[in-house]
Protein backbone atom coordinates (compact mmCIF):
# COMPACT_ATOMS: atom_id res chain seq x y z
CA MET A 1 22.27 70.45 144.24
CA ALA A 2 21.53 72.91 147.05
CA HIS A 3 18.00 73.56 145.74
CA GLU A 4 16.97 70.08 146.89
CA TYR A 5 17.77 70.51 150.55
CA GLU A 6 16.00 72.05 153.50
CA LEU A 7 18.49 74.50 154.96
CA ILE A 8 18.35 75.54 158.61
CA GLU A 9 20.42 78.58 159.51
CA HIS A 10 23.09 78.02 162.17
CA ASN A 11 25.50 80.43 163.77
CA GLU A 12 29.01 80.68 162.42
CA ILE A 13 31.71 81.80 164.83
CA GLY A 14 34.85 83.23 163.29
CA GLY A 15 35.47 80.47 160.79
CA PHE A 16 33.62 77.41 162.06
CA LYS A 17 30.08 76.08 162.30
CA LEU A 18 28.39 73.00 163.71
CA PHE A 19 25.09 71.28 162.91
CA LEU A 20 23.19 68.00 163.06
CA VAL A 21 21.85 66.48 159.87
CA ASN A 22 19.87 63.40 158.88
CA MET A 23 21.68 62.14 155.79
CA LEU A 24 20.45 59.68 153.21
CA TYR A 25 22.50 60.72 150.20
CA ARG A 26 24.83 63.54 149.19
CA THR A 27 26.30 63.73 145.70
CA PRO A 28 30.10 64.13 145.36
CA HIS A 29 31.08 67.58 146.62
CA ASN A 30 33.94 69.40 148.30
CA HIS A 31 34.59 72.56 150.26
CA LYS A 32 37.42 74.64 151.65
CA ASP A 33 36.57 73.73 155.25
CA LEU A 34 37.95 70.79 157.17
CA GLU A 35 34.92 68.68 158.08
CA LEU A 36 34.72 66.47 161.16
CA CYS A 37 31.72 64.12 161.20
CA LEU A 38 30.54 62.08 164.17
CA ILE A 39 27.93 59.39 163.41
CA LEU A 40 25.34 59.51 166.17
CA ARG A 41 22.90 57.02 164.67
CA GLY A 42 23.00 54.55 161.80
CA SER A 43 25.88 54.12 159.37
CA ILE A 44 26.94 55.76 156.14
CA ASP A 45 29.17 54.84 153.20
CA ILE A 46 31.77 57.42 152.17
CA ARG A 47 33.54 57.45 148.81
CA HIS A 48 36.43 59.83 148.24
CA ILE A 49 39.34 60.27 145.91
CA GLU A 50 41.64 58.04 147.99
CA GLY A 51 39.22 55.19 148.68
CA SER A 52 35.98 54.29 150.43
CA PHE A 53 34.82 53.13 153.86
CA THR A 54 31.75 52.75 156.08
CA ALA A 55 31.41 54.96 159.14
CA ARG A 56 29.23 53.32 161.77
CA GLU A 57 27.41 54.61 164.81
CA GLY A 58 29.83 55.98 167.40
CA SER A 59 32.67 56.61 164.95
CA PHE A 60 34.03 59.81 163.42
CA PHE A 61 36.09 60.82 160.40
CA LEU A 62 37.74 63.97 159.07
CA MET A 63 37.59 65.20 155.47
CA ASN A 64 40.40 67.43 154.23
CA SER A 65 39.93 70.76 152.48
CA PHE A 66 39.09 70.45 148.78
CA GLN A 67 38.68 66.67 149.04
CA PRO A 68 35.70 65.48 146.97
CA HIS A 69 33.52 62.98 148.77
CA GLU A 70 30.13 61.27 148.39
CA LEU A 71 27.90 60.02 151.23
CA GLN A 72 25.17 57.40 151.01
CA ALA A 73 23.15 55.49 153.61
CA LYS A 74 20.52 52.76 153.33
CA GLU A 75 18.49 54.51 156.03
CA PRO A 76 18.89 58.15 157.16
CA ALA A 77 21.97 58.47 159.37
CA LEU A 78 22.20 61.15 162.07
CA ILE A 79 25.49 63.05 161.75
CA LEU A 80 27.04 65.74 163.91
CA ALA A 81 29.21 67.83 161.59
CA LEU A 82 31.85 70.40 162.54
CA GLN A 83 33.17 72.47 159.62
CA VAL A 84 36.26 74.59 160.28
CA SER A 85 37.96 76.91 157.82
CA PRO A 86 41.77 76.70 157.74
CA ASP A 87 41.62 80.50 158.15
CA PHE A 88 40.48 79.94 161.74
CA PHE A 89 43.94 78.59 162.61
CA ALA A 90 45.93 80.90 160.31
CA PRO A 91 47.05 83.57 162.86
CA TYR A 92 48.77 81.07 165.17
CA PHE A 93 48.91 77.69 163.37
CA PRO A 94 49.25 78.30 159.61
CA GLN A 95 50.81 74.83 159.29
CA ILE A 96 47.26 73.46 159.06
CA GLU A 97 47.29 74.48 155.38
CA THR A 98 50.07 71.96 154.68
CA ILE A 99 48.62 69.06 156.69
CA HIS A 100 46.78 66.27 154.88
CA PHE A 101 44.94 63.87 157.21
CA GLU A 102 44.32 60.21 156.47
CA VAL A 103 40.58 59.76 155.89
CA ALA A 104 39.36 56.76 157.85
CA PRO A 105 36.72 56.07 160.53
CA VAL A 106 37.80 56.10 164.18
CA SER A 107 35.69 54.81 167.07
CA GLY A 108 35.95 55.20 170.82
CA ALA A 109 37.42 51.69 170.95
CA HIS A 110 40.42 52.95 168.96
CA SER A 111 42.08 54.46 172.04
CA PRO A 112 41.22 56.26 175.31
CA LEU A 113 42.12 59.54 173.57
CA ALA A 114 39.63 58.83 170.78
CA LYS A 115 36.92 57.99 173.31
CA ASP A 116 37.65 61.22 175.17
CA LEU A 117 37.57 63.18 171.91
CA ILE A 118 34.03 62.00 171.14
CA THR A 119 32.92 63.36 174.51
CA LYS A 120 34.63 66.67 173.71
CA ILE A 121 32.85 66.89 170.34
CA LEU A 122 29.47 66.29 171.98
CA SER A 123 30.20 68.87 174.67
CA LEU A 124 31.31 71.40 172.05
CA ALA A 125 28.09 70.83 170.11
CA HIS A 126 25.97 71.36 173.22
CA THR A 127 27.76 74.61 174.09
CA TYR A 128 27.53 75.84 170.50
CA LEU A 129 23.84 75.13 170.08
CA LEU A 130 22.84 76.37 173.54
CA ALA A 131 24.54 79.70 172.73
CA GLN A 132 24.69 81.07 176.27
CA PRO A 133 26.67 84.28 177.07
CA MET A 134 30.36 84.03 176.13
CA TYR A 135 29.81 80.67 174.44
CA GLU A 136 31.93 81.90 171.52
CA LEU A 137 35.09 81.83 173.65
CA LYS A 138 34.31 78.37 175.01
CA CYS A 139 33.65 77.03 171.49
CA ALA A 140 36.84 78.52 170.03
CA ALA A 141 38.89 76.93 172.82
CA ALA A 142 37.10 73.61 172.33
CA VAL A 143 37.73 73.59 168.55
CA ASN A 144 41.45 74.03 169.17
CA ASP A 145 41.37 71.24 171.75
CA VAL A 146 39.55 68.92 169.33
CA PHE A 147 42.05 69.49 166.53
CA LEU A 148 45.01 69.05 168.85
CA ASP A 149 43.61 65.61 169.71
CA LEU A 150 43.04 64.85 166.02
CA LEU A 151 46.72 65.53 165.31
CA HIS A 152 47.58 62.88 167.90
CA ILE A 153 44.93 60.34 166.86
CA LEU A 154 44.96 60.47 163.05
CA HIS A 155 47.79 59.74 160.66
CA TRP A 156 48.77 62.79 158.61
CA LYS A 157 51.49 64.10 156.34
CA ASN A 158 52.80 67.47 155.20
CA ILE A 159 52.09 68.56 151.64
CA SER A 160 54.08 71.06 149.60
CA SER A 161 52.84 74.47 148.44
CA HIS A 162 52.82 73.08 144.90
CA GLU A 163 50.50 70.24 145.96
CA ARG A 164 48.28 72.79 147.67
CA GLU A 165 48.05 74.82 144.47
CA LEU A 166 47.08 71.69 142.58
CA PHE A 167 44.33 71.01 145.14
CA THR A 168 42.96 74.52 144.65
CA GLU A 169 43.05 74.23 140.85
CA ARG A 170 41.31 70.86 141.01
CA GLN A 171 38.65 72.31 143.30
CA MET A 172 37.84 75.07 140.80
CA LYS A 173 37.39 72.52 138.00
CA PHE A 174 35.35 70.27 140.27
CA ARG A 175 32.95 73.09 141.11
CA TYR A 176 32.59 74.08 137.47
CA LEU A 177 31.59 70.53 136.61
CA THR A 178 29.12 70.10 139.48
CA ASN A 179 27.47 73.45 138.75
CA ALA A 180 27.24 72.67 135.03
CA ILE A 181 25.69 69.25 135.64
CA ASP A 182 23.27 70.50 138.31
CA SER A 183 21.94 73.20 135.98
CA ARG A 184 21.87 71.17 132.75
CA TYR A 185 21.13 67.54 133.72
CA SER A 186 17.60 67.70 132.27
CA GLY A 187 18.86 68.15 128.71
CA LYS A 188 21.45 66.55 126.50
CA LEU A 189 24.84 66.88 128.17
CA LEU A 190 28.03 65.40 126.76
CA LEU A 191 31.47 65.17 128.31
CA GLY A 192 32.87 66.54 125.06
CA ASP A 193 30.85 69.73 125.47
CA LEU A 194 32.22 70.28 128.96
CA ALA A 195 35.76 69.54 127.78
CA GLU A 196 35.42 72.16 125.06
CA GLU A 197 34.11 74.74 127.54
CA MET A 198 37.04 74.05 129.90
CA HIS A 199 39.58 74.03 127.04
CA VAL A 200 40.83 70.53 127.83
CA SER A 201 40.74 67.24 125.92
CA ILE A 202 38.01 64.65 126.46
CA TYR A 203 40.72 62.16 127.45
CA TYR A 204 42.00 64.51 130.18
CA LEU A 205 38.52 65.38 131.48
CA SER A 206 37.44 61.74 131.53
CA HIS A 207 40.36 60.81 133.77
CA PHE A 208 39.97 63.96 135.86
CA PHE A 209 36.30 63.20 136.41
CA ARG A 210 36.94 59.63 137.50
CA ASP A 211 39.74 60.73 139.85
CA CYS A 212 37.71 63.50 141.52
CA PHE A 213 34.22 61.99 141.54
CA GLY A 214 35.22 58.38 142.02
CA MET A 215 33.08 57.31 139.04
CA PRO A 216 32.78 57.91 135.29
CA PHE A 217 30.97 61.00 134.00
CA GLN A 218 27.95 59.06 132.74
CA GLU A 219 27.44 57.31 136.08
CA TYR A 220 27.52 60.60 137.98
CA LEU A 221 25.14 62.25 135.52
CA SER A 222 22.77 59.29 135.90
CA ARG A 223 22.89 59.65 139.71
CA VAL A 224 21.99 63.34 139.52
CA ARG A 225 19.14 62.59 137.14
CA CYS A 226 17.87 59.73 139.30
CA GLU A 227 17.95 61.81 142.46
CA ASN A 228 15.87 64.53 140.81
CA ALA A 229 13.55 61.89 139.36
CA ARG A 230 13.10 60.40 142.82
CA ARG A 231 11.71 63.68 144.09
CA LEU A 232 9.37 64.07 141.13
CA LEU A 233 8.08 60.54 141.69
CA LEU A 234 7.21 61.34 145.29
CA LEU A 235 6.05 64.93 144.99
CA THR A 236 4.12 64.92 141.69
CA ASP A 237 1.62 62.80 139.81
CA ARG A 238 3.63 62.84 136.59
CA SER A 239 3.79 59.58 134.69
CA LEU A 240 7.00 57.56 134.69
CA LEU A 241 7.61 58.60 131.09
CA GLU A 242 7.13 62.28 131.92
CA VAL A 243 9.52 62.02 134.88
CA SER A 244 12.06 60.21 132.73
CA ILE A 245 11.99 62.92 130.06
CA ALA A 246 11.99 65.80 132.57
CA CYS A 247 15.18 64.44 134.16
CA GLY A 248 17.11 64.00 130.93
CA PHE A 249 16.78 60.27 130.22
CA SER A 250 16.62 59.63 126.49
CA ASP A 251 14.97 56.24 126.97
CA PRO A 252 12.79 54.89 129.86
CA LYS A 253 14.89 51.72 130.00
CA TYR A 254 17.95 53.81 130.95
CA PHE A 255 15.85 55.50 133.62
CA ASN A 256 14.79 52.13 135.04
CA SER A 257 18.26 50.60 135.04
CA GLY A 258 19.93 53.71 136.49
CA PHE A 259 17.29 54.06 139.20
CA ARG A 260 17.47 50.40 140.18
CA SER A 261 21.26 50.60 140.34
CA LEU A 262 21.13 53.54 142.78
CA TYR A 263 18.09 52.68 144.93
CA GLY A 264 17.74 48.93 144.52
CA ILE A 265 14.19 49.04 143.10
CA THR A 266 12.49 50.40 139.98
CA PRO A 267 10.91 53.89 139.84
CA LYS A 268 7.43 52.31 139.81
CA GLU A 269 8.21 50.22 142.90
CA TYR A 270 9.72 53.23 144.66
CA ARG A 271 6.59 55.35 144.15
CA LYS A 272 4.37 52.45 145.30
CA LYS A 273 6.50 51.94 148.42
CA PHE A 274 6.17 55.60 149.33
CA LYS A 275 2.38 55.62 148.89
CA GLU A 276 2.05 52.57 151.13
CA ALA A 277 4.32 53.90 153.88
CA PRO A 278 2.17 53.86 157.06
CA LEU A 279 3.95 56.55 159.04
CA PRO A 280 4.52 60.23 158.13
CA SER A 281 8.04 59.96 159.51
CA GLN A 282 8.83 57.16 157.07
CA GLN A 283 7.45 59.24 154.23
CA SER A 284 9.48 62.25 155.35
CA SER A 285 12.70 60.25 155.39
CA MET A 286 12.06 59.17 151.80
CA LEU A 287 11.32 62.71 150.64
CA THR A 288 14.65 64.25 151.47
CA THR A 289 18.26 63.23 151.03
CA GLN A 290 19.59 65.68 153.58
CA LYS A 291 17.59 67.29 156.40
CA PHE A 292 19.26 69.79 158.72
CA LEU A 293 17.96 69.87 162.28
CA SER A 294 17.12 73.09 164.11
CA SER A 295 19.15 74.09 167.16
CA GLU A 296 16.21 73.19 169.43
CA ALA A 297 15.80 69.71 167.94
CA SER A 298 19.56 69.18 167.96
CA LEU A 299 19.80 69.98 171.68
CA VAL A 300 17.07 67.48 172.51
CA LEU A 301 18.96 64.75 170.65
CA LEU A 302 22.33 65.70 172.11
CA ASP A 303 21.00 65.37 175.65
CA GLN A 304 20.51 61.66 174.96
CA TYR A 305 24.22 61.24 174.17
CA LEU A 306 25.58 63.42 176.98
CA THR A 307 23.75 61.68 179.81
């Protein structure tokens, strides 16, 4: 649901990029890049195809290529994210394509090497965002150093070329489903319709959906609808019924129950809470699920962690 997010452009150097983001919620998604996330402030719950865990302040985790994952926090969490394409390593370390890392949070208390790695990540981020002359060379060297440490810190296994092909095929189906739901959530959307479009059985797609998204189709569709409804509640004066209909709920009671399940309060209570929020910063945090920080703002924050 890229149309919901404020995007700040960042440099990309030969296959990798780095940014800071305040994260409240991100629907299940995946990407080709390996993604290393360091939690600078707060905590966030991560659900992925192999399980779930909570990453707390001062810990990091690594998501594999084409590994669907969902992120959710009770309050916006500040995350430093490093995304690296496997193509970056291809000329000299093509083995990265066959490596599958265990996805679990690691803190500085895990080992001296892990503690040292966190410092390296922060230093890499500072060099990247400062963008002084020849910073590209320093960053490329630092990325290699970071991943060498990750190979020593994290558990990992080799996967076969056949398994890799299956990952790629699954990723294509995953993206088809997310794109279809993002563009059609406001109307009637049935799993059977999607199964017919993809030329698979409903039984197969139901199991595929649960495996990749970590939840049934109807639950995911409800989350997408609720997230869009949340924005309409805060940004418009539409009635609750109008918001419910605009976001694809056939009955207001389904809207209320789905919204309460995701956010802990009813749509009416959520709108009231926003209107009564005393500080603009509190209102801003409620308005967005994912806010990317500019390079200037990121550097100011990083200085607090490097001193």
